[in-house]
Structures are given as C-alpha cells and as structure tokens.
Amino acid sequence: MASEFLTLVKNRRSIYEISKESTISDEKIQEIISEAVKHTPSAFNSQSSRVVLLLGDQHNKLWDITTEVLKGIVPADQFASTQQRMDGFRNAYGTVMFFEDTAVVEGMQANFPTYQDRFPAWSQHTSGMLQFVIWTALENEGLGASLQHYNPLIDNKVKMEWRLPEGWQLIAQMPFGKPTAPAGEKEFKPIEERVKIFK
C-alpha cells in the first residue's frame, strides 16, 4: 500500500550521531545495495550508477583521506569544527560511495544525439533516486545515515586508493551506522505553496 511506502519515506532522516555498530549483517547491507542498484530506474535503462561499499578499515581510510585533503584547504585556526565532523563520519560503521559512469553517459549521448544534452542531467537524477532508495532501505533496517559531498576535492585520491575506473564520477558519500541520537525537528513550508492541483 502507498501508505506503508510513504511511512518509510517519512522515517528517512539525516542522522549524524551514529556509532561503529550495525543493526544488520554485512551480507544484508550488500544485498540492499545490490538490489537498489539493480532496480533503481535510469533514463533509457542506461544503468549508469556505480556504488562502492566501504566497511572496517576501508571505511576509516576514506575519512582519513578526506581529513588530510581538508587540512590543506581549511585554515588551521578554523579546523577544529571540521575535525569534529570528520571524526563523526569516521565513527560510522561504513560508507556508501555513489558514482556515475561517464563512459555510459557518453555512450548514450552518441547513440541518441537528439537528447545528448540531457543525459548528464538524467544521470544525476538516477544517482539521486539510488541514494534515496539505499538511504531509505538502511533506515528501515534501523541504521542512520547522512549524505555528504566532499567531491571533487577527494576524487583523485579515492580513484587511486581503490583503483577505480577514471570514468567513474564521484557524486556523494553516505556514512551510516547505528543511531546514538535521533534526528532533530524538521520544519516544512506550507504544502499549498509547493503543490498545485488542476481538475
């Protein structure tokens, strides 16, 4: 029923207070990600999304890399708050990294020239849907997550560290783990200003 699905949608929130624990097995996490990647829609069924799941020391490594990159950018006297954020993400159980394969996008542009200027945007739409599907599924299993965007600052180091194809464009990073505190209150603008209905 739609109401059950919308309940899952409502329950998905940005959770920043998380621990290095998981409410489900690594195998279940992998299953969720694989099913989401397989079934999330894409323009012309292009299937351009790619995902890298980092657990254990590999997860820690990502946030160590991100911290080092930011140390070269953020002034030292302002770095304390940045370090606090990095420590929070590192303290998660794992991270999902979202990519789009630019080789696939370019191939679609070549095969369907009428729509070539739209495929990059459609690729981003696909990634957004995939992020939402995985995020909501993890939430339903009792895990908290948030969506981060330290790309393109970390792109080259990420590709080198995990030997990823050059054409994989990093879109977002999703640290997740067992929540240790609830999400804050969320304010909503009047729905009448955001939805128009004509009969």
Protein backbone atom coordinates (compact mmCIF):
# COMPACT_ATOMS: atom_id res chain seq x y z
CA MET A 1 0.00 0.00 0.00
CA ALA A 2 1.10 3.55 -0.68
CA SER A 3 0.71 4.49 2.98
CA GLU A 4 3.29 1.91 4.01
CA PHE A 5 5.77 3.21 1.46
CA LEU A 6 5.15 6.83 2.49
CA THR A 7 5.78 5.89 6.12
CA LEU A 8 9.25 4.71 5.10
CA VAL A 9 9.74 7.96 3.19
CA LYS A 10 8.77 9.99 6.27
CA ASN A 11 11.07 8.00 8.55
CA ARG A 12 14.15 8.64 6.45
CA ARG A 13 16.11 11.46 8.06
CA SER A 14 19.67 12.76 8.20
CA ILE A 15 21.26 11.11 11.23
CA TYR A 16 24.67 12.44 12.26
CA GLU A 17 25.06 10.79 15.67
CA ILE A 18 25.94 7.22 14.73
CA SER A 19 28.26 4.52 16.02
CA LYS A 20 30.57 1.83 14.65
CA GLU A 21 27.80 -0.70 15.11
CA SER A 22 25.33 -2.12 12.63
CA THR A 23 21.82 -3.41 13.22
CA ILE A 24 22.14 -5.88 10.33
CA SER A 25 24.81 -8.14 8.86
CA ASP A 26 27.30 -7.05 6.21
CA GLU A 27 25.65 -9.54 3.87
CA LYS A 28 22.30 -7.80 4.34
CA ILE A 29 23.87 -4.41 3.64
CA GLN A 30 25.39 -5.78 0.43
CA GLU A 31 22.03 -7.28 -0.56
CA ILE A 32 20.26 -3.93 -0.07
CA ILE A 33 22.84 -2.10 -2.17
CA SER A 34 22.86 -4.70 -4.94
CA GLU A 35 19.06 -4.79 -5.19
CA ALA A 36 18.88 -0.99 -5.17
CA VAL A 37 21.47 -0.64 -7.92
CA LYS A 38 19.73 -3.30 -9.99
CA HIS A 39 16.19 -1.90 -9.74
CA THR A 40 16.56 1.89 -9.49
CA PRO A 41 15.28 3.40 -12.77
CA SER A 42 17.55 5.19 -15.24
CA ALA A 43 16.97 7.11 -18.46
CA PHE A 44 16.75 4.75 -21.46
CA ASN A 45 17.69 1.97 -18.99
CA SER A 46 21.24 3.26 -19.18
CA GLN A 47 22.17 1.76 -15.77
CA SER A 48 24.93 4.33 -15.28
CA SER A 49 25.11 4.24 -11.48
CA ARG A 50 28.02 2.64 -9.64
CA VAL A 51 28.45 2.05 -5.90
CA VAL A 52 31.42 1.28 -3.69
CA LEU A 53 30.72 -0.02 -0.17
CA LEU A 54 33.45 0.62 2.38
CA LEU A 55 33.50 -1.27 5.69
CA GLY A 56 36.00 -1.61 8.51
CA ASP A 57 39.46 -0.19 7.84
CA GLN A 58 38.47 0.73 4.28
CA HIS A 59 35.74 3.00 5.66
CA ASN A 60 38.20 4.58 8.11
CA LYS A 61 40.63 5.17 5.27
CA LEU A 62 38.11 7.26 3.32
CA TRP A 63 37.60 9.70 6.17
CA ASP A 64 41.34 9.82 6.92
CA ILE A 65 41.90 10.78 3.27
CA THR A 66 39.13 13.38 3.42
CA THR A 67 40.55 14.85 6.63
CA GLU A 68 44.03 15.19 5.12
CA VAL A 69 42.65 16.87 1.99
CA LEU A 70 40.66 19.35 4.06
CA LYS A 71 43.69 20.15 6.24
CA GLY A 72 45.29 21.57 3.12
CA ILE A 73 42.31 23.86 2.50
CA VAL A 74 40.76 24.89 5.82
CA PRO A 75 42.77 27.42 7.90
CA ALA A 76 44.37 25.76 10.94
CA ASP A 77 42.65 28.07 13.40
CA GLN A 78 39.26 27.05 11.95
CA PHE A 79 39.92 23.33 11.60
CA ALA A 80 38.53 22.16 14.95
CA SER A 81 34.92 22.04 13.75
CA THR A 82 35.99 20.31 10.52
CA GLN A 83 37.92 17.71 12.53
CA GLN A 84 34.84 17.13 14.67
CA ARG A 85 32.73 16.45 11.58
CA MET A 86 35.37 14.10 10.15
CA ASP A 87 35.59 12.22 13.46
CA GLY A 88 31.82 11.81 13.41
CA PHE A 89 31.83 10.34 9.90
CA ARG A 90 34.81 8.12 10.70
CA ASN A 91 32.93 6.85 13.74
CA ALA A 92 30.26 5.37 11.46
CA TYR A 93 30.03 1.66 10.67
CA GLY A 94 30.59 2.11 6.94
CA THR A 95 30.23 4.41 3.96
CA VAL A 96 28.43 4.04 0.65
CA MET A 97 30.13 5.95 -2.17
CA PHE A 98 27.95 6.83 -5.16
CA PHE A 99 29.38 7.23 -8.65
CA GLU A 100 28.09 7.76 -12.18
CA ASP A 101 29.94 6.10 -15.05
CA THR A 102 30.67 8.88 -17.55
CA ALA A 103 31.56 6.33 -20.22
CA VAL A 104 27.98 5.07 -20.13
CA VAL A 105 26.62 8.63 -20.27
CA GLU A 106 28.84 9.47 -23.24
CA GLY A 107 27.76 6.29 -24.98
CA MET A 108 24.12 7.24 -24.56
CA GLN A 109 24.87 10.69 -25.96
CA ALA A 110 26.47 9.13 -29.03
CA ASN A 111 23.63 6.65 -29.56
CA PHE A 112 20.82 9.16 -29.00
CA PRO A 113 22.14 12.52 -30.27
CA THR A 114 18.70 14.15 -30.13
CA TYR A 115 18.90 14.01 -26.33
CA GLN A 116 22.66 14.31 -25.88
CA ASP A 117 22.49 17.50 -23.83
CA ARG A 118 20.05 15.86 -21.37
CA PHE A 119 21.91 12.66 -20.48
CA PRO A 120 24.28 14.25 -17.92
CA ALA A 121 21.28 15.66 -16.02
CA TRP A 122 19.37 12.39 -16.32
CA SER A 123 22.39 10.59 -14.94
CA GLN A 124 22.27 12.82 -11.87
CA HIS A 125 18.56 12.06 -11.50
CA THR A 126 19.35 8.35 -11.47
CA SER A 127 22.01 8.83 -8.81
CA GLY A 128 19.62 10.85 -6.67
CA MET A 129 16.99 8.13 -6.84
CA LEU A 130 19.56 5.47 -5.98
CA GLN A 131 20.80 7.48 -3.00
CA PHE A 132 17.25 7.80 -1.75
CA VAL A 133 16.45 4.11 -2.22
CA ILE A 134 19.55 2.93 -0.33
CA TRP A 135 19.15 5.57 2.37
CA THR A 136 15.51 4.66 2.97
CA ALA A 137 16.24 0.92 2.97
CA LEU A 138 19.05 1.35 5.52
CA GLU A 139 16.76 3.49 7.67
CA ASN A 140 14.13 0.75 7.56
CA GLU A 141 16.72 -1.68 8.95
CA GLY A 142 17.45 0.58 11.92
CA LEU A 143 20.52 2.31 10.53
CA GLY A 144 21.08 6.06 10.47
CA ALA A 145 22.82 7.85 7.60
CA SER A 146 23.56 11.25 6.11
CA LEU A 147 24.61 12.36 2.66
CA GLN A 148 27.95 14.14 2.20
CA HIS A 149 29.61 15.81 -0.78
CA TYR A 150 33.38 16.09 -0.45
CA ASN A 151 33.76 15.61 -4.17
CA PRO A 152 35.51 16.80 -6.25
CA LEU A 153 38.12 17.54 -3.56
CA ILE A 154 38.76 13.86 -2.86
CA ASP A 155 38.01 12.39 -6.30
CA ASN A 156 41.56 11.69 -7.47
CA LYS A 157 42.71 10.19 -4.17
CA VAL A 158 39.62 7.98 -3.98
CA LYS A 159 40.16 6.65 -7.51
CA MET A 160 43.83 5.98 -6.80
CA GLU A 161 43.25 4.33 -3.41
CA TRP A 162 40.60 1.92 -4.62
CA ARG A 163 41.83 1.65 -8.23
CA LEU A 164 38.55 2.76 -9.72
CA PRO A 165 37.99 3.49 -13.41
CA GLU A 166 38.85 7.02 -14.49
CA GLY A 167 35.34 7.48 -15.89
CA TRP A 168 33.65 6.93 -12.52
CA GLN A 169 32.49 10.34 -11.32
CA LEU A 170 32.07 10.58 -7.54
CA ILE A 171 28.67 12.04 -6.66
CA ALA A 172 28.18 11.59 -2.91
CA GLN A 173 29.30 9.76 0.22
CA MET A 174 26.86 8.22 2.73
CA PRO A 175 28.31 7.30 6.15
CA PHE A 176 25.96 5.02 8.11
CA GLY A 177 25.76 3.25 11.43
CA LYS A 178 23.58 2.56 14.45
CA PRO A 179 21.97 5.83 15.63
CA THR A 180 23.01 7.11 19.03
CA ALA A 181 20.69 10.14 18.94
CA PRO A 182 17.52 10.96 16.99
CA ALA A 183 17.27 13.44 14.14
CA GLY A 184 16.33 16.98 15.01
CA GLU A 185 12.97 18.57 14.38
CA LYS A 186 12.19 19.27 10.73
CA GLU A 187 10.24 22.29 9.56
CA PHE A 188 8.03 22.20 6.48
CA LYS A 189 6.94 25.04 4.23
CA PRO A 190 3.19 25.18 3.54
CA ILE A 191 2.36 22.36 1.15
CA GLU A 192 -0.11 24.65 -0.63
CA GLU A 193 2.84 26.70 -1.85
CA ARG A 194 4.59 23.63 -3.23
CA VAL A 195 1.82 21.59 -4.84
CA LYS A 196 -0.66 22.80 -7.48
CA ILE A 197 -3.67 20.72 -8.48
CA PHE A 198 -5.85 21.35 -11.52
CA LYS A 199 -9.03 19.40 -12.30
